[in-house]
Amino acid sequence: MSSRSGRSTAASRAEARRRARYIAQGREPDRDDEEAEAEAAAPRRAPAGGGFASRLFPPAPPLPGKPDPLAGFGYRGRYPGFVSGFYLLARNPIAWLLPGAAWGPAELIFQTGLPAPVFGTLASLVAFAALIAAGWVGWQRPWLFGLAAAALGIVIFSTVVGTALVTAGYRDAVAAYLGSASRELLQLAFGTVAGWYGGYLRRRLAATATPARGNRRR
């Protein structure tokens, strides 16, 4: 009984000090503050065990302070998910046009190794960073912006290579070189994954930066 009464007295004193602090600041404690402090004081449970993917990429919350990307989307047809994708791409074209324009030439240098082999390594890094940047900037739907950037890069790459082969007189090789659907599908999948990772990385960094800023303020 004595230990329980001691804990109750300590809790009452802490509550009194907290209320006095709020009154000194000129504001009344509200329920949100009480719930936040109660959650902070509650013992943390150990995270539930997950698979390898959940450990490698822990869940990341949405970006704080960002508005609803589909706030002005008024389509009510049969394919809202498909149409909303084009809506988001049209609202933020720079997020996939610039990365796609950078990915195309970088992939061309990487595939040809020109003007020197060392440039091929650098070009592969630029191409990968461009697709990640598409997902980073296109936070509304990162994987879609990475996919769109890769698709644009494929168009640029195929146009340059096809034109070069035709100019050099290898007309028969154009269809064989550009008709490899497996290569294009692999590049599209790579752009999708890279874009998703760019958005995930941005959310994770924002989630870890928010508690750090709160600790500095305290």
C-alpha atoms as a PDB file:
ATOM      1  CA  MET A   1       0.000   0.000   0.000  1.00  0.00           C
ATOM      2  CA  SER A   2       2.814   2.415   0.826  1.00  0.00           C
ATOM      3  CA  SER A   3       4.504   1.913  -2.567  1.00  0.00           C
ATOM      4  CA  ARG A   4       1.201   2.482  -4.421  1.00  0.00           C
ATOM      5  CA  SER A   5       0.447   5.645  -2.466  1.00  0.00           C
ATOM      6  CA  GLY A   6       4.002   6.871  -3.113  1.00  0.00           C
ATOM      7  CA  ARG A   7       3.635   6.356  -6.853  1.00  0.00           C
ATOM      8  CA  SER A   8       0.237   8.067  -6.829  1.00  0.00           C
ATOM      9  CA  THR A   9       1.667  11.052  -4.952  1.00  0.00           C
ATOM     10  CA  ALA A  10       4.589  11.321  -7.388  1.00  0.00           C
ATOM     11  CA  ALA A  11       2.217  11.179 -10.368  1.00  0.00           C
ATOM     12  CA  SER A  12       0.017  13.873  -8.828  1.00  0.00           C
ATOM     13  CA  ARG A  13       3.020  16.117  -8.264  1.00  0.00           C
ATOM     14  CA  ALA A  14       4.208  15.582 -11.849  1.00  0.00           C
ATOM     15  CA  GLU A  15       0.727  16.426 -13.148  1.00  0.00           C
ATOM     16  CA  ALA A  16       0.643  19.581 -11.002  1.00  0.00           C
ATOM     17  CA  ARG A  17       4.050  20.671 -12.292  1.00  0.00           C
ATOM     18  CA  ARG A  18       2.968  20.035 -15.854  1.00  0.00           C
ATOM     19  CA  ARG A  19      -0.180  22.104 -15.493  1.00  0.00           C
ATOM     20  CA  ALA A  20       1.773  24.894 -13.797  1.00  0.00           C
ATOM     21  CA  ARG A  21       4.215  24.903 -16.696  1.00  0.00           C
ATOM     22  CA  TYR A  22       1.406  25.256 -19.233  1.00  0.00           C
ATOM     23  CA  ILE A  23      -0.209  28.055 -17.230  1.00  0.00           C
ATOM     24  CA  ALA A  24       3.127  29.878 -17.045  1.00  0.00           C
ATOM     25  CA  GLN A  25       3.343  29.644 -20.833  1.00  0.00           C
ATOM     26  CA  GLY A  26      -0.096  31.222 -21.138  1.00  0.00           C
ATOM     27  CA  ARG A  27      -1.960  28.203 -22.470  1.00  0.00           C
ATOM     28  CA  GLU A  28      -4.117  25.463 -21.114  1.00  0.00           C
ATOM     29  CA  PRO A  29      -3.117  21.801 -21.429  1.00  0.00           C
ATOM     30  CA  ASP A  30      -5.347  20.041 -23.922  1.00  0.00           C
ATOM     31  CA  ARG A  31      -6.179  16.402 -24.419  1.00  0.00           C
ATOM     32  CA  ASP A  32      -3.714  15.961 -27.269  1.00  0.00           C
ATOM     33  CA  ASP A  33      -0.845  17.031 -25.025  1.00  0.00           C
ATOM     34  CA  GLU A  34      -1.969  14.663 -22.308  1.00  0.00           C
ATOM     35  CA  GLU A  35      -2.274  11.757 -24.719  1.00  0.00           C
ATOM     36  CA  ALA A  36       1.140  12.499 -26.237  1.00  0.00           C
ATOM     37  CA  GLU A  37       2.804  12.564 -22.837  1.00  0.00           C
ATOM     38  CA  ALA A  38       0.990   9.416 -21.792  1.00  0.00           C
ATOM     39  CA  GLU A  39       2.214   7.633 -24.930  1.00  0.00           C
ATOM     40  CA  ALA A  40       5.755   8.872 -24.325  1.00  0.00           C
ATOM     41  CA  ALA A  41       5.679   7.667 -20.714  1.00  0.00           C
ATOM     42  CA  ALA A  42       4.173   4.295 -21.601  1.00  0.00           C
ATOM     43  CA  PRO A  43       6.650   1.438 -21.944  1.00  0.00           C
ATOM     44  CA  ARG A  44       7.570   0.733 -25.544  1.00  0.00           C
ATOM     45  CA  ARG A  45       6.733  -2.678 -26.877  1.00  0.00           C
ATOM     46  CA  ALA A  46       9.254  -4.610 -28.814  1.00  0.00           C
ATOM     47  CA  PRO A  47       8.525  -4.498 -32.535  1.00  0.00           C
ATOM     48  CA  ALA A  48       6.849  -7.538 -33.925  1.00  0.00           C
ATOM     49  CA  GLY A  49       9.176  -9.792 -35.794  1.00  0.00           C
ATOM     50  CA  GLY A  50       8.942  -9.507 -39.552  1.00  0.00           C
ATOM     51  CA  GLY A  51      10.560 -10.973 -42.569  1.00  0.00           C
ATOM     52  CA  PHE A  52      13.827 -10.000 -44.190  1.00  0.00           C
ATOM     53  CA  ALA A  53      12.144  -7.374 -46.395  1.00  0.00           C
ATOM     54  CA  SER A  54      10.511  -5.612 -43.431  1.00  0.00           C
ATOM     55  CA  ARG A  55      13.844  -5.515 -41.615  1.00  0.00           C
ATOM     56  CA  LEU A  56      15.700  -4.258 -44.650  1.00  0.00           C
ATOM     57  CA  PHE A  57      13.042  -1.628 -45.416  1.00  0.00           C
ATOM     58  CA  PRO A  58      11.204  -0.699 -42.195  1.00  0.00           C
ATOM     59  CA  PRO A  59       7.773   0.898 -42.693  1.00  0.00           C
ATOM     60  CA  ALA A  60       8.012   4.590 -43.527  1.00  0.00           C
ATOM     61  CA  PRO A  61       5.146   7.007 -42.728  1.00  0.00           C
ATOM     62  CA  PRO A  62       3.830   9.503 -45.302  1.00  0.00           C
ATOM     63  CA  LEU A  63       5.653  12.783 -45.721  1.00  0.00           C
ATOM     64  CA  PRO A  64       4.559  15.280 -43.052  1.00  0.00           C
ATOM     65  CA  GLY A  65       2.940  18.516 -44.150  1.00  0.00           C
ATOM     66  CA  LYS A  66       2.199  17.384 -47.702  1.00  0.00           C
ATOM     67  CA  PRO A  67      -1.305  17.974 -49.106  1.00  0.00           C
ATOM     68  CA  ASP A  68      -3.459  15.298 -50.644  1.00  0.00           C
ATOM     69  CA  PRO A  69      -2.053  14.796 -54.169  1.00  0.00           C
ATOM     70  CA  LEU A  70      -5.512  13.842 -55.477  1.00  0.00           C
ATOM     71  CA  ALA A  71      -7.343  16.764 -53.862  1.00  0.00           C
ATOM     72  CA  GLY A  72      -8.420  18.195 -57.244  1.00  0.00           C
ATOM     73  CA  PHE A  73      -8.983  14.860 -58.948  1.00  0.00           C
ATOM     74  CA  GLY A  74     -12.636  14.621 -59.950  1.00  0.00           C
ATOM     75  CA  TYR A  75     -12.716  11.501 -62.101  1.00  0.00           C
ATOM     76  CA  ARG A  76     -15.435   9.028 -61.098  1.00  0.00           C
ATOM     77  CA  GLY A  77     -15.199   6.519 -63.900  1.00  0.00           C
ATOM     78  CA  ARG A  78     -14.379   2.832 -63.970  1.00  0.00           C
ATOM     79  CA  TYR A  79     -10.584   3.156 -63.821  1.00  0.00           C
ATOM     80  CA  PRO A  80      -9.742   5.721 -61.133  1.00  0.00           C
ATOM     81  CA  GLY A  81      -6.355   4.215 -60.303  1.00  0.00           C
ATOM     82  CA  PHE A  82      -5.230   4.221 -63.935  1.00  0.00           C
ATOM     83  CA  VAL A  83      -6.493   7.724 -64.706  1.00  0.00           C
ATOM     84  CA  SER A  84      -5.173   9.160 -61.450  1.00  0.00           C
ATOM     85  CA  GLY A  85      -1.686   8.055 -62.486  1.00  0.00           C
ATOM     86  CA  PHE A  86      -1.807  10.214 -65.603  1.00  0.00           C
ATOM     87  CA  TYR A  87      -3.272  13.015 -63.501  1.00  0.00           C
ATOM     88  CA  LEU A  88      -0.302  12.934 -61.116  1.00  0.00           C
ATOM     89  CA  LEU A  89       2.222  12.778 -63.955  1.00  0.00           C
ATOM     90  CA  ALA A  90       0.583  15.774 -65.639  1.00  0.00           C
ATOM     91  CA  ARG A  91       0.558  17.751 -62.387  1.00  0.00           C
ATOM     92  CA  ASN A  92       4.286  17.239 -61.793  1.00  0.00           C
ATOM     93  CA  PRO A  93       5.941  16.652 -65.188  1.00  0.00           C
ATOM     94  CA  ILE A  94       9.392  17.877 -64.150  1.00  0.00           C
ATOM     95  CA  ALA A  95       9.676  14.989 -61.676  1.00  0.00           C
ATOM     96  CA  TRP A  96       9.848  12.437 -64.509  1.00  0.00           C
ATOM     97  CA  LEU A  97      10.825  14.449 -67.602  1.00  0.00           C
ATOM     98  CA  LEU A  98      14.198  15.615 -66.263  1.00  0.00           C
ATOM     99  CA  PRO A  99      15.216  12.221 -64.790  1.00  0.00           C
ATOM    100  CA  GLY A 100      14.115  10.494 -67.996  1.00  0.00           C
ATOM    101  CA  ALA A 101      16.094  12.970 -70.109  1.00  0.00           C
ATOM    102  CA  ALA A 102      19.158  12.270 -67.946  1.00  0.00           C
ATOM    103  CA  TRP A 103      18.648   8.498 -67.904  1.00  0.00           C
ATOM    104  CA  GLY A 104      18.492   8.107 -71.687  1.00  0.00           C
ATOM    105  CA  PRO A 105      21.936   9.549 -72.534  1.00  0.00           C
ATOM    106  CA  ALA A 106      23.482   7.966 -69.428  1.00  0.00           C
ATOM    107  CA  GLU A 107      22.197   4.544 -70.453  1.00  0.00           C
ATOM    108  CA  LEU A 108      23.494   5.111 -73.973  1.00  0.00           C
ATOM    109  CA  ILE A 109      26.981   5.891 -72.674  1.00  0.00           C
ATOM    110  CA  PHE A 110      26.828   2.900 -70.340  1.00  0.00           C
ATOM    111  CA  GLN A 111      25.805   0.505 -73.121  1.00  0.00           C
ATOM    112  CA  THR A 112      28.349   1.742 -75.662  1.00  0.00           C
ATOM    113  CA  GLY A 113      31.199   2.555 -73.268  1.00  0.00           C
ATOM    114  CA  LEU A 114      31.946   5.775 -75.135  1.00  0.00           C
ATOM    115  CA  PRO A 115      33.973   7.924 -75.046  1.00  0.00           C
ATOM    116  CA  ALA A 116      35.944   5.779 -72.546  1.00  0.00           C
ATOM    117  CA  PRO A 117      35.131   2.750 -70.351  1.00  0.00           C
ATOM    118  CA  VAL A 118      35.386   4.829 -67.176  1.00  0.00           C
ATOM    119  CA  PHE A 119      32.551   6.989 -68.449  1.00  0.00           C
ATOM    120  CA  GLY A 120      30.373   3.895 -68.660  1.00  0.00           C
ATOM    121  CA  THR A 121      30.702   3.327 -64.909  1.00  0.00           C
ATOM    122  CA  LEU A 122      29.918   6.943 -64.146  1.00  0.00           C
ATOM    123  CA  ALA A 123      26.990   6.872 -66.563  1.00  0.00           C
ATOM    124  CA  SER A 124      25.490   3.831 -64.821  1.00  0.00           C
ATOM    125  CA  LEU A 125      25.602   5.703 -61.512  1.00  0.00           C
ATOM    126  CA  VAL A 126      23.971   8.747 -63.103  1.00  0.00           C
ATOM    127  CA  ALA A 127      21.233   6.590 -64.633  1.00  0.00           C
ATOM    128  CA  PHE A 128      20.497   4.911 -61.309  1.00  0.00           C
ATOM    129  CA  ALA A 129      20.525   8.230 -59.430  1.00  0.00           C
ATOM    130  CA  ALA A 130      18.181   9.778 -61.997  1.00  0.00           C
ATOM    131  CA  LEU A 131      15.523   7.120 -61.447  1.00  0.00           C
ATOM    132  CA  ILE A 132      15.849   7.417 -57.677  1.00  0.00           C
ATOM    133  CA  ALA A 133      15.482  11.190 -58.022  1.00  0.00           C
ATOM    134  CA  ALA A 134      12.252  10.677 -59.966  1.00  0.00           C
ATOM    135  CA  GLY A 135      10.750   8.812 -57.016  1.00  0.00           C
ATOM    136  CA  TRP A 136      12.195  11.324 -54.544  1.00  0.00           C
ATOM    137  CA  VAL A 137      10.620  14.331 -56.284  1.00  0.00           C
ATOM    138  CA  GLY A 138       7.493  12.469 -57.328  1.00  0.00           C
ATOM    139  CA  TRP A 139       6.456  11.740 -53.753  1.00  0.00           C
ATOM    140  CA  GLN A 140       2.802  11.544 -54.818  1.00  0.00           C
ATOM    141  CA  ARG A 141       3.404   8.065 -56.309  1.00  0.00           C
ATOM    142  CA  PRO A 142       7.146   7.331 -56.445  1.00  0.00           C
ATOM    143  CA  TRP A 143       7.108   4.043 -58.324  1.00  0.00           C
ATOM    144  CA  LEU A 144       4.982   5.583 -61.085  1.00  0.00           C
ATOM    145  CA  PHE A 145       7.375   8.494 -61.583  1.00  0.00           C
ATOM    146  CA  GLY A 146      10.308   6.087 -61.740  1.00  0.00           C
ATOM    147  CA  LEU A 147       8.440   4.019 -64.321  1.00  0.00           C
ATOM    148  CA  ALA A 148       7.621   7.106 -66.399  1.00  0.00           C
ATOM    149  CA  ALA A 149      11.233   8.310 -66.272  1.00  0.00           C
ATOM    150  CA  ALA A 150      12.471   4.893 -67.406  1.00  0.00           C
ATOM    151  CA  ALA A 151       9.922   4.811 -70.250  1.00  0.00           C
ATOM    152  CA  LEU A 152      11.055   8.223 -71.473  1.00  0.00           C
ATOM    153  CA  GLY A 153      14.685   7.150 -71.210  1.00  0.00           C
ATOM    154  CA  ILE A 154      13.948   4.043 -73.288  1.00  0.00           C
ATOM    155  CA  VAL A 155      12.366   6.189 -75.998  1.00  0.00           C
ATOM    156  CA  ILE A 156      15.420   8.459 -76.092  1.00  0.00           C
ATOM    157  CA  PHE A 157      17.831   5.526 -76.069  1.00  0.00           C
ATOM    158  CA  SER A 158      15.963   3.612 -78.784  1.00  0.00           C
ATOM    159  CA  THR A 159      15.639   6.686 -80.997  1.00  0.00           C
ATOM    160  CA  VAL A 160      19.354   7.470 -80.864  1.00  0.00           C
ATOM    161  CA  VAL A 161      20.438   3.856 -81.418  1.00  0.00           C
ATOM    162  CA  GLY A 162      17.918   3.273 -84.206  1.00  0.00           C
ATOM    163  CA  THR A 163      18.938   6.458 -86.000  1.00  0.00           C
ATOM    164  CA  ALA A 164      22.617   5.559 -85.716  1.00  0.00           C
ATOM    165  CA  LEU A 165      22.053   2.065 -87.125  1.00  0.00           C
ATOM    166  CA  VAL A 166      19.997   3.352 -90.036  1.00  0.00           C
ATOM    167  CA  THR A 167      22.566   6.036 -90.818  1.00  0.00           C
ATOM    168  CA  ALA A 168      25.355   3.460 -90.764  1.00  0.00           C
ATOM    169  CA  GLY A 169      23.436   1.259 -93.204  1.00  0.00           C
ATOM    170  CA  TYR A 170      22.448  -1.483 -90.745  1.00  0.00           C
ATOM    171  CA  ARG A 171      18.747  -1.311 -91.430  1.00  0.00           C
ATOM    172  CA  ASP A 172      18.176  -4.998 -90.808  1.00  0.00           C
ATOM    173  CA  ALA A 173      19.828  -4.778 -87.418  1.00  0.00           C
ATOM    174  CA  VAL A 174      17.455  -2.081 -86.194  1.00  0.00           C
ATOM    175  CA  ALA A 175      14.506  -4.409 -85.683  1.00  0.00           C
ATOM    176  CA  ALA A 176      16.714  -7.069 -84.089  1.00  0.00           C
ATOM    177  CA  TYR A 177      18.400  -4.611 -81.736  1.00  0.00           C
ATOM    178  CA  LEU A 178      15.363  -2.590 -80.731  1.00  0.00           C
ATOM    179  CA  GLY A 179      12.919  -5.493 -80.768  1.00  0.00           C
ATOM    180  CA  SER A 180      14.273  -7.092 -77.618  1.00  0.00           C
ATOM    181  CA  ALA A 181      11.201  -6.766 -75.416  1.00  0.00           C
ATOM    182  CA  SER A 182      12.896  -8.473 -72.487  1.00  0.00           C
ATOM    183  CA  ARG A 183      15.497  -5.715 -72.238  1.00  0.00           C
ATOM    184  CA  GLU A 184      12.877  -2.966 -72.271  1.00  0.00           C
ATOM    185  CA  LEU A 185      10.742  -4.761 -69.693  1.00  0.00           C
ATOM    186  CA  LEU A 186      13.761  -5.209 -67.442  1.00  0.00           C
ATOM    187  CA  GLN A 187      14.588  -1.506 -67.685  1.00  0.00           C
ATOM    188  CA  LEU A 188      10.984  -0.557 -66.901  1.00  0.00           C
ATOM    189  CA  ALA A 189      11.008  -2.837 -63.857  1.00  0.00           C
ATOM    190  CA  PHE A 190      14.316  -1.342 -62.777  1.00  0.00           C
ATOM    191  CA  GLY A 191      12.862   2.179 -63.073  1.00  0.00           C
ATOM    192  CA  THR A 192       9.823   1.175 -61.029  1.00  0.00           C
ATOM    193  CA  VAL A 193      11.936  -0.262 -58.204  1.00  0.00           C
ATOM    194  CA  ALA A 194      14.368   2.678 -58.237  1.00  0.00           C
ATOM    195  CA  GLY A 195      11.503   5.192 -58.138  1.00  0.00           C
ATOM    196  CA  TRP A 196       9.869   3.360 -55.249  1.00  0.00           C
ATOM    197  CA  TYR A 197      13.155   3.378 -53.374  1.00  0.00           C
ATOM    198  CA  GLY A 198      13.575   7.123 -53.937  1.00  0.00           C
ATOM    199  CA  GLY A 199      10.191   7.840 -52.370  1.00  0.00           C
ATOM    200  CA  TYR A 200      10.831   5.385 -49.549  1.00  0.00           C
ATOM    201  CA  LEU A 201      14.214   6.945 -48.809  1.00  0.00           C
ATOM    202  CA  ARG A 202      12.679  10.416 -48.632  1.00  0.00           C
ATOM    203  CA  ARG A 203       9.974   9.272 -46.205  1.00  0.00           C
ATOM    204  CA  ARG A 204      12.480   7.462 -43.995  1.00  0.00           C
ATOM    205  CA  LEU A 205      14.774  10.485 -43.812  1.00  0.00           C
ATOM    206  CA  ALA A 206      11.823  12.750 -42.998  1.00  0.00           C
ATOM    207  CA  ALA A 207      10.637  10.354 -40.281  1.00  0.00           C
ATOM    208  CA  THR A 208      14.056  10.203 -38.625  1.00  0.00           C
ATOM    209  CA  ALA A 209      14.637  13.958 -38.948  1.00  0.00           C
ATOM    210  CA  THR A 210      11.386  14.892 -37.172  1.00  0.00           C
ATOM    211  CA  PRO A 211      12.296  13.347 -33.768  1.00  0.00           C
ATOM    212  CA  ALA A 212      15.798  14.829 -34.053  1.00  0.00           C
ATOM    213  CA  ARG A 213      14.393  18.334 -34.523  1.00  0.00           C
ATOM    214  CA  GLY A 214      12.065  17.788 -31.576  1.00  0.00           C
ATOM    215  CA  ASN A 215      14.967  16.752 -29.350  1.00  0.00           C
ATOM    216  CA  ARG A 216      16.990  19.824 -30.333  1.00  0.00           C
ATOM    217  CA  ARG A 217      14.076  22.088 -29.442  1.00  0.00           C
ATOM    218  CA  ARG A 218      13.794  20.498 -26.036  1.00  0.00           C
END
